């Protein structure tokens, strides 16, 4: 989405823009201009610390409205109530670590944090801070708490910071922020009526009661797809291997541990689904006879580890489908297109999302990913490095386009 070429997109929408005391506060000026250029009416609320970086006058001139900075002055006009009541969304950009703590804990010691407790509209939070602050366990706990309540928190980007270090902490790009605002205020409904079954995360295959075979998958891509699908109107079931991620709001999550459990869960929900997206990194092999007791390294000989093939879930689902659209993933380290094309054909898939997990900044555990989407009709779409939340929407858009051009005898929405 390009804010320069979509004037009027947000016409009639009312946005409360919260600005906190980060060095990135100056970027909120550009964000304000972009929002007003798209037709939004913006009310700016600044913390006292934010006024040390940018003056309220700057925002007043550009918004054409007074800027609220003081809780007690605002209280006379009940602005801590009227601003959120009149807003379609609250956007806090930049958001400091201090703000995240107050928002998560429900503290209300200024006009911005008080507004949050009176608001019923969607909240978008865009953090910006030093890298060590962003990765601090307390800050991450607060982010998880906010997300568990349905708050949209955009991860900061990696790059040069005010400290001179290069780390993850930069304010998300303006286009990403505008995208998030548009997705909330102008949500797509192109998946309404669809029932989407998504798998995510790794599997863990026991060697003994304390050891297992697994992989580096974090589950972030699958979770992002599930959340994006829900935001576009679909009913979603997420079958998830062990991850550190918070279950997305409004989505039924089926937790599993092993490949066999994932096969059973996917099979059980398959008849319900109209679209299946197999984003999980399922084990290819698993121990044939796991030890019932912990293996001791003090034994005379190293015990052999005999492996057997794990269930081929994609092939199993492909063989039993009626009208479902079936989408697979190919995480490769070499010959990306060749291997992905082979998997697409061998498994009888409609689409496959291929990504090179050795690419810098992409792959397992990363906040970003790059991919090439291949279809059984021979089309190819390439997506460069981008946040997984954005790529999730790209994947869903590719599925929607495929469904339009390749209708089956039974439309996916009719599969129940």
Protein backbone atom coordinates (compact mmCIF):
# COMPACT_ATOMS: atom_id res chain seq x y z
CA UNK A 1 0.00 0.00 0.00
CA UNK A 2 1.35 3.41 -0.95
CA UNK A 3 0.12 6.36 1.08
CA UNK A 4 1.07 8.72 -1.75
CA UNK A 5 -1.27 7.08 -4.24
CA UNK A 6 -4.35 6.32 -2.16
CA UNK A 7 -5.84 9.71 -1.21
CA UNK A 8 -9.21 9.50 0.48
CA UNK A 9 -8.86 5.85 1.55
CA UNK A 10 -9.65 6.77 5.17
CA UNK A 11 -12.18 9.51 4.46
CA UNK A 12 -14.62 9.77 7.33
CA UNK A 13 -12.46 7.72 9.70
CA UNK A 14 -11.43 9.20 13.05
CA UNK A 15 -8.05 8.27 14.49
CA UNK A 16 -6.63 9.17 17.89
CA UNK A 17 -2.85 9.36 17.49
CA UNK A 18 -0.92 8.88 20.71
CA UNK A 19 2.70 10.05 20.77
CA UNK A 20 5.05 9.04 23.60
CA UNK A 21 8.54 10.14 24.61
CA UNK A 22 10.73 8.34 22.10
CA UNK A 23 13.36 9.85 19.83
CA UNK A 24 11.18 8.49 17.02
CA UNK A 25 8.42 10.97 17.96
CA UNK A 26 9.35 13.10 14.96
CA UNK A 27 8.20 10.25 12.69
CA UNK A 28 4.69 10.68 14.08
CA UNK A 29 4.54 14.00 12.24
CA UNK A 30 4.91 12.24 8.90
CA UNK A 31 2.37 9.61 9.98
CA UNK A 32 -0.10 12.37 10.84
CA UNK A 33 0.37 13.93 7.41
CA UNK A 34 -0.18 10.56 5.71
CA UNK A 35 -3.37 9.92 7.69
CA UNK A 36 -4.82 13.35 6.94
CA UNK A 37 -3.83 13.02 3.29
CA UNK A 38 -5.92 9.86 3.16
CA UNK A 39 -8.89 11.72 4.60
CA UNK A 40 -8.74 10.70 8.26
CA UNK A 41 -9.61 13.16 10.99
CA UNK A 42 -6.81 12.86 13.55
CA UNK A 43 -6.82 13.89 17.20
CA UNK A 44 -3.32 13.94 18.68
CA UNK A 45 -2.62 13.08 22.31
CA UNK A 46 0.94 13.57 23.57
CA UNK A 47 2.62 12.52 26.78
CA UNK A 48 4.68 15.12 28.62
CA UNK A 49 7.85 13.32 27.57
CA UNK A 50 6.80 13.46 23.91
CA UNK A 51 6.62 17.26 24.04
CA UNK A 52 10.34 17.28 24.77
CA UNK A 53 11.00 15.88 21.29
CA UNK A 54 8.31 17.59 19.17
CA UNK A 55 6.21 20.59 20.12
CA UNK A 56 2.41 20.28 20.26
CA UNK A 57 2.20 23.24 17.87
CA UNK A 58 3.61 21.08 15.05
CA UNK A 59 0.79 18.57 15.42
CA UNK A 60 -1.83 21.30 15.89
CA UNK A 61 -0.91 23.00 12.62
CA UNK A 62 -0.89 19.75 10.64
CA UNK A 63 -4.03 18.23 12.19
CA UNK A 64 -6.04 21.44 12.34
CA UNK A 65 -7.05 20.52 15.88
CA UNK A 66 -5.83 21.19 19.37
CA UNK A 67 -3.40 18.70 20.87
CA UNK A 68 -4.18 17.12 24.23
CA UNK A 69 -1.19 16.87 26.58
CA UNK A 70 -2.39 17.32 30.15
CA UNK A 71 -4.76 15.03 32.03
CA UNK A 72 -6.08 17.71 34.37
CA UNK A 73 -6.68 20.28 31.65
CA UNK A 74 -8.24 17.58 29.49
CA UNK A 75 -10.41 16.48 32.42
CA UNK A 76 -12.29 19.78 32.33
CA UNK A 77 -13.59 18.87 28.88
CA UNK A 78 -13.63 15.12 29.59
CA UNK A 79 -11.26 14.54 26.66
CA UNK A 80 -10.03 11.30 28.21
CA UNK A 81 -13.59 10.11 27.50
CA UNK A 82 -14.62 12.05 24.41
CA UNK A 83 -11.52 11.34 22.29
CA UNK A 84 -11.70 7.53 22.54
CA UNK A 85 -15.51 7.58 22.27
CA UNK A 86 -15.24 9.51 19.01
CA UNK A 87 -12.37 7.45 17.57
CA UNK A 88 -12.58 4.52 15.18
CA UNK A 89 -9.07 3.48 16.27
CA UNK A 90 -6.31 4.56 18.64
CA UNK A 91 -2.78 4.41 17.25
CA UNK A 92 0.19 4.89 19.59
CA UNK A 93 3.30 5.59 17.52
CA UNK A 94 5.92 5.63 18.80
CA UNK A 95 5.24 3.63 21.95
CA UNK A 96 7.95 3.48 24.61
CA UNK A 97 8.71 0.61 26.98
CA UNK A 98 7.14 2.71 29.73
CA UNK A 99 3.91 3.04 27.76
CA UNK A 100 3.81 -0.72 27.08
CA UNK A 101 4.11 -1.37 30.81
CA UNK A 102 1.31 1.04 31.70
CA UNK A 103 -0.97 -0.29 28.96
CA UNK A 104 -0.40 -3.91 29.99
CA UNK A 105 -0.85 -3.24 33.70
CA UNK A 106 -3.78 -0.84 33.36
CA UNK A 107 -1.95 2.10 34.93
CA UNK A 108 -3.50 5.50 34.18
CA UNK A 109 -1.34 8.43 35.25
CA UNK A 110 -1.65 10.62 32.14
CA UNK A 111 -4.28 11.41 29.54
CA UNK A 112 -3.09 8.82 27.03
CA UNK A 113 -2.98 5.88 29.43
CA UNK A 114 -6.31 6.95 30.95
CA UNK A 115 -7.88 6.95 27.48
CA UNK A 116 -7.01 3.30 27.04
CA UNK A 117 -9.12 2.31 30.02
CA UNK A 118 -12.17 4.12 28.64
CA UNK A 119 -11.79 3.06 25.00
CA UNK A 120 -13.73 0.34 23.19
CA UNK A 121 -12.22 0.91 19.75
CA UNK A 122 -9.27 -1.05 18.29
CA UNK A 123 -5.80 -0.20 19.59
CA UNK A 124 -2.65 -0.31 17.44
CA UNK A 125 0.67 0.04 19.27
CA UNK A 126 3.93 0.70 17.41
CA UNK A 127 6.93 0.36 19.75
CA UNK A 128 10.28 2.10 19.27
CA UNK A 129 13.17 1.76 21.70
CA UNK A 130 16.71 0.49 22.12
CA UNK A 131 17.26 -3.11 21.11
CA UNK A 132 18.12 -4.36 24.60
CA UNK A 133 14.97 -2.74 25.94
CA UNK A 134 12.80 -4.39 23.28
CA UNK A 135 14.19 -7.86 23.98
CA UNK A 136 14.01 -7.48 27.77
CA UNK A 137 11.80 -10.24 29.25
CA UNK A 138 9.57 -7.73 31.03
CA UNK A 139 8.89 -5.77 27.86
CA UNK A 140 8.17 -8.99 25.95
CA UNK A 141 5.79 -10.07 28.73
CA UNK A 142 3.89 -6.80 28.36
CA UNK A 143 3.72 -7.23 24.57
CA UNK A 144 2.33 -10.75 24.98
CA UNK A 145 -0.25 -9.48 27.46
CA UNK A 146 -1.44 -6.77 25.08
CA UNK A 147 -1.64 -9.14 22.14
CA UNK A 148 -3.60 -11.66 24.21
CA UNK A 149 -6.21 -8.92 24.71
CA UNK A 150 -6.53 -8.34 20.98
CA UNK A 151 -4.23 -5.32 20.73
CA UNK A 152 -2.29 -5.04 17.46
CA UNK A 153 1.39 -4.61 18.36
CA UNK A 154 3.72 -4.10 15.39
CA UNK A 155 7.20 -5.45 15.98
CA UNK A 156 9.93 -2.83 15.58
CA UNK A 157 12.35 -3.16 12.70
CA UNK A 158 16.07 -3.86 12.75
CA UNK A 159 18.50 -1.08 11.86
CA UNK A 160 20.63 1.75 13.25
CA UNK A 161 19.32 3.03 16.59
CA UNK A 162 19.86 6.33 18.42
CA UNK A 163 22.43 4.58 20.60
CA UNK A 164 24.55 3.90 17.53
CA UNK A 165 23.91 0.18 17.71
CA UNK A 166 22.24 -1.87 15.01
CA UNK A 167 19.42 -3.93 16.51
CA UNK A 168 15.68 -4.46 16.47
CA UNK A 169 14.07 -1.36 17.88
CA UNK A 170 13.35 1.08 15.04
CA UNK A 171 9.79 2.30 14.58
CA UNK A 172 7.98 0.22 11.96
CA UNK A 173 7.96 1.75 8.49
CA UNK A 174 5.14 4.18 7.84
CA UNK A 175 3.70 1.92 5.13
CA UNK A 176 3.45 -0.93 7.66
CA UNK A 177 1.65 1.30 10.16
CA UNK A 178 -0.78 2.55 7.53
CA UNK A 179 -1.38 -1.03 6.39
CA UNK A 180 -2.25 -2.08 9.93
CA UNK A 181 -4.62 0.88 10.29
CA UNK A 182 -6.33 0.10 6.99
CA UNK A 183 -6.68 -3.59 7.85
CA UNK A 184 -8.53 -2.62 11.01
CA UNK A 185 -10.59 0.30 9.69
CA UNK A 186 -11.17 -1.14 6.21
CA UNK A 187 -11.02 -4.88 6.82
CA UNK A 188 -11.08 -7.25 3.89
CA UNK A 189 -13.96 -9.69 3.96
CA UNK A 190 -12.88 -11.78 0.99
CA UNK A 191 -12.65 -14.93 3.13
CA UNK A 192 -16.03 -14.59 4.77
CA UNK A 193 -17.77 -17.95 4.70
CA UNK A 194 -14.52 -19.88 4.39
CA UNK A 195 -13.36 -22.38 6.99
CA UNK A 196 -9.59 -22.35 7.11
CA UNK A 197 -7.51 -25.04 8.77
CA UNK A 198 -3.92 -23.94 9.49
CA UNK A 199 -1.03 -25.89 10.97
CA UNK A 200 1.91 -24.18 12.65
CA UNK A 201 5.08 -24.76 14.60
CA UNK A 202 7.34 -27.78 14.99
CA UNK A 203 6.65 -31.28 16.20
CA UNK A 204 8.63 -33.02 18.92
CA UNK A 205 9.40 -36.72 18.52
CA UNK A 206 10.49 -38.45 21.73
CA UNK A 207 13.81 -40.28 21.98
CA UNK A 208 13.25 -40.93 25.67
CA UNK A 209 11.16 -39.18 28.37
CA UNK A 210 13.46 -36.12 28.40
CA UNK A 211 14.90 -35.89 24.87
CA UNK A 212 13.30 -35.40 21.48
CA UNK A 213 13.95 -34.68 17.81
CA UNK A 214 12.60 -31.36 16.60
CA UNK A 215 13.46 -28.37 14.40
CA UNK A 216 13.89 -24.60 14.60
CA UNK A 217 10.34 -23.61 13.66
CA UNK A 218 8.87 -20.90 15.90
CA UNK A 219 5.33 -21.13 14.53
CA UNK A 220 5.25 -17.39 13.76
CA UNK A 221 4.36 -17.82 10.08
CA UNK A 222 1.46 -20.16 10.74
CA UNK A 223 0.12 -17.99 13.55
CA UNK A 224 0.36 -14.90 11.34
CA UNK A 225 -1.63 -16.70 8.62
CA UNK A 226 -4.30 -17.76 11.11
CA UNK A 227 -4.68 -14.21 12.44
CA UNK A 228 -4.75 -12.71 8.94
CA UNK A 229 -7.41 -15.19 7.84
CA UNK A 230 -9.55 -14.36 10.86
CA UNK A 231 -9.21 -10.62 10.11
CA UNK A 232 -10.48 -11.27 6.57
CA UNK A 233 -13.67 -12.93 7.78
CA UNK A 234 -12.78 -16.61 7.85
CA UNK A 235 -13.50 -19.12 10.59
CA UNK A 236 -10.13 -20.51 11.60
CA UNK A 237 -8.83 -23.56 13.41
CA UNK A 238 -5.12 -23.58 14.20
CA UNK A 239 -3.39 -26.90 14.86
CA UNK A 240 -0.20 -25.94 16.66
CA UNK A 241 2.93 -27.76 17.69
CA UNK A 242 4.83 -26.59 20.80
CA UNK A 243 5.60 -22.84 20.55
CA UNK A 244 6.15 -19.88 22.85
CA UNK A 245 3.40 -17.92 21.09
CA UNK A 246 0.17 -16.71 22.65
CA UNK A 247 -2.96 -18.31 21.16
CA UNK A 248 -4.56 -15.72 18.85
CA UNK A 249 -7.84 -14.22 20.02
CA UNK A 250 -10.96 -15.51 18.28
CA UNK A 251 -9.26 -18.62 16.90
CA UNK A 252 -9.71 -22.19 18.10
CA UNK A 253 -6.28 -23.68 18.79
CA UNK A 254 -5.72 -27.44 18.85
CA UNK A 255 -2.39 -28.12 20.60
CA UNK A 256 -0.37 -31.16 19.54
CA UNK A 257 3.17 -32.39 20.18
CA UNK A 258 4.05 -35.15 17.70
CA UNK A 259 3.70 -35.66 13.95
CA UNK A 260 1.20 -38.47 14.55
CA UNK A 261 -0.88 -36.19 16.75
CA UNK A 262 -0.81 -33.48 14.09
CA UNK A 263 -1.90 -35.98 11.45
CA UNK A 264 -4.82 -37.04 13.64
CA UNK A 265 -5.84 -33.44 14.42
CA UNK A 266 -5.63 -32.30 10.80
CA UNK A 267 -7.57 -35.35 9.63
CA UNK A 268 -10.26 -34.79 12.26
CA UNK A 269 -10.83 -31.18 11.13
CA UNK A 270 -10.31 -31.73 7.43
CA UNK A 271 -13.95 -32.36 6.53
CA UNK A 272 -14.91 -29.09 8.23
CA UNK A 273 -12.44 -27.06 6.20
CA UNK A 274 -12.64 -25.36 2.81
CA UNK A 275 -9.00 -24.24 2.73
CA UNK A 276 -6.05 -26.03 4.34
CA UNK A 277 -2.71 -24.30 4.85
CA UNK A 278 0.01 -26.63 6.08
CA UNK A 279 2.57 -24.17 7.48
CA UNK A 280 3.89 -26.47 10.23
CA UNK A 281 7.41 -27.90 10.09
CA UNK A 282 6.51 -31.53 10.70
CA UNK A 283 9.24 -34.05 11.42
CA UNK A 284 10.19 -36.20 8.43
CA UNK A 285 11.53 -38.97 10.66
CA UNK A 286 10.85 -40.09 14.21
CA UNK A 287 12.37 -42.61 16.61
CA UNK A 288 10.92 -46.06 15.95
CA UNK A 289 11.03 -47.24 19.55
CA UNK A 290 11.39 -44.41 22.09
CA UNK A 291 13.03 -45.48 25.35
CA UNK A 292 10.67 -45.67 28.31
CA UNK A 293 13.43 -44.49 30.68
CA UNK A 294 16.06 -41.78 30.32
CA UNK A 295 19.06 -43.03 28.34
CA UNK A 296 22.26 -42.76 30.39
CA UNK A 297 25.47 -41.69 28.73
CA UNK A 298 27.43 -43.83 31.18
CA UNK A 299 26.37 -47.05 29.46
CA UNK A 300 29.05 -49.16 27.80
CA UNK A 301 27.86 -48.51 24.24
CA UNK A 302 26.05 -45.66 22.52
CA UNK A 303 22.49 -46.90 21.98
CA UNK A 304 21.43 -46.95 18.33
CA UNK A 305 18.70 -44.55 17.25
CA UNK A 306 16.51 -46.29 14.69
CA UNK A 307 14.23 -43.94 12.76
CA UNK A 308 11.06 -44.44 10.78
CA UNK A 309 9.19 -42.13 8.44
CA UNK A 310 6.68 -39.75 9.96
CA UNK A 311 3.15 -39.61 8.54
CA UNK A 312 2.96 -37.70 5.24
CA UNK A 313 0.15 -35.38 6.28
CA UNK A 314 -0.10 -33.45 3.03
CA UNK A 315 -0.31 -36.59 0.93
CA UNK A 316 -2.88 -38.06 3.31
CA UNK A 317 -5.09 -34.96 3.13
CA UNK A 318 -4.69 -34.64 -0.63
CA UNK A 319 -5.90 -38.21 -1.13
CA UNK A 320 -9.09 -37.69 0.85
CA UNK A 321 -10.10 -34.18 -0.15
CA UNK A 322 -13.29 -33.26 -1.93
CA UNK A 323 -13.17 -29.55 -2.85
CA UNK A 324 -10.67 -28.14 -0.38
CA UNK A 325 -7.90 -25.87 -1.59
CA UNK A 326 -4.68 -27.39 -0.29
CA UNK A 327 -1.60 -25.23 0.35
CA UNK A 328 1.78 -26.54 1.43
CA UNK A 329 5.11 -25.03 2.46
CA UNK A 330 8.61 -25.92 1.30
CA UNK A 331 11.40 -24.73 3.58
CA UNK A 332 14.58 -25.42 1.63
CA UNK A 333 18.31 -24.80 1.86
CA UNK A 334 19.14 -25.36 -1.82
CA UNK A 335 17.49 -25.76 -5.25
CA UNK A 336 14.41 -23.94 -3.95
CA UNK A 337 12.25 -23.92 -7.07
CA UNK A 338 13.15 -27.46 -8.13
CA UNK A 339 12.34 -28.96 -4.74
CA UNK A 340 9.19 -26.90 -4.25
CA UNK A 341 7.88 -27.80 -7.71
CA UNK A 342 8.51 -31.48 -7.02
CA UNK A 343 6.62 -31.29 -3.74
CA UNK A 344 3.76 -29.38 -5.36
CA UNK A 345 3.29 -32.17 -7.90
CA UNK A 346 4.00 -35.15 -5.67
CA UNK A 347 1.56 -34.08 -2.95
CA UNK A 348 -1.16 -32.96 -5.34
CA UNK A 349 -1.21 -29.41 -3.95
CA UNK A 350 -2.91 -26.35 -5.37
CA UNK A 351 -0.28 -23.91 -4.12
CA UNK A 352 3.07 -24.15 -2.39
CA UNK A 353 4.91 -21.44 -0.48
CA UNK A 354 8.64 -21.90 -0.97
CA UNK A 355 11.20 -20.14 1.15
CA UNK A 356 14.97 -20.37 1.54
CA UNK A 357 15.58 -20.73 5.28
CA UNK A 358 19.26 -19.84 4.84
CA UNK A 359 18.44 -16.30 3.61
CA UNK A 360 19.67 -13.65 6.03
CA UNK A 361 16.83 -12.20 8.10
CA UNK A 362 14.29 -14.81 6.98
CA UNK A 363 13.18 -18.28 7.95
CA UNK A 364 12.76 -20.02 11.28
CA UNK A 365 12.43 -17.76 14.33
CA UNK A 366 12.69 -14.55 12.33
CA UNK A 367 10.09 -11.78 12.35
CA UNK A 368 10.41 -11.56 8.57
CA UNK A 369 10.25 -13.93 5.66
CA UNK A 370 10.57 -14.01 1.89
CA UNK A 371 8.78 -16.49 -0.34
CA UNK A 372 7.92 -17.66 -3.82
CA UNK A 373 4.38 -18.97 -4.29
CA UNK A 374 3.92 -21.57 -7.03
CA UNK A 375 0.58 -22.91 -8.23
CA UNK A 376 -0.35 -26.14 -9.96
CA UNK A 377 -1.38 -24.06 -12.99
CA UNK A 378 2.19 -22.81 -13.41
CA UNK A 379 1.93 -19.30 -11.98
CA UNK A 380 4.70 -17.87 -9.82
CA UNK A 381 4.66 -14.93 -7.43
CA UNK A 382 7.78 -13.65 -5.67
CA UNK A 383 7.68 -11.76 -2.38
CA UNK A 384 10.86 -10.17 -1.05
CA UNK A 385 11.79 -9.91 2.61
CA UNK A 386 8.88 -8.52 4.63
CA UNK A 387 7.19 -8.95 8.03
CA UNK A 388 5.51 -12.33 8.40
CA UNK A 389 2.23 -10.55 9.16
CA UNK A 390 2.40 -8.92 5.74
CA UNK A 391 3.46 -12.11 3.96
CA UNK A 392 0.51 -13.88 5.58
CA UNK A 393 -1.87 -11.53 3.78
CA UNK A 394 0.08 -12.00 0.53
CA UNK A 395 -0.37 -15.77 0.83
CA UNK A 396 -4.08 -15.42 1.50
CA UNK A 397 -4.49 -13.05 -1.44
CA UNK A 398 -2.78 -15.63 -3.67
CA UNK A 399 -5.24 -18.26 -2.44
CA UNK A 400 -8.21 -15.97 -3.14
CA UNK A 401 -6.92 -15.26 -6.64
CA UNK A 402 -6.35 -18.97 -7.29
CA UNK A 403 -9.90 -19.79 -6.19
CA UNK A 404 -11.32 -17.20 -8.59
CA UNK A 405 -9.41 -18.55 -11.57
CA UNK A 406 -9.56 -22.25 -10.75
CA UNK A 407 -13.03 -23.02 -9.39
CA UNK A 408 -13.64 -26.65 -8.49
CA UNK A 409 -16.83 -28.61 -9.05
CA UNK A 410 -17.75 -27.68 -5.51
CA UNK A 411 -16.86 -24.20 -4.27
CA UNK A 412 -14.71 -24.21 -1.13
CA UNK A 413 -17.35 -22.30 0.84
CA UNK A 414 -19.82 -25.13 0.24
CA UNK A 415 -17.67 -27.73 1.97
CA UNK A 416 -19.04 -28.25 5.45
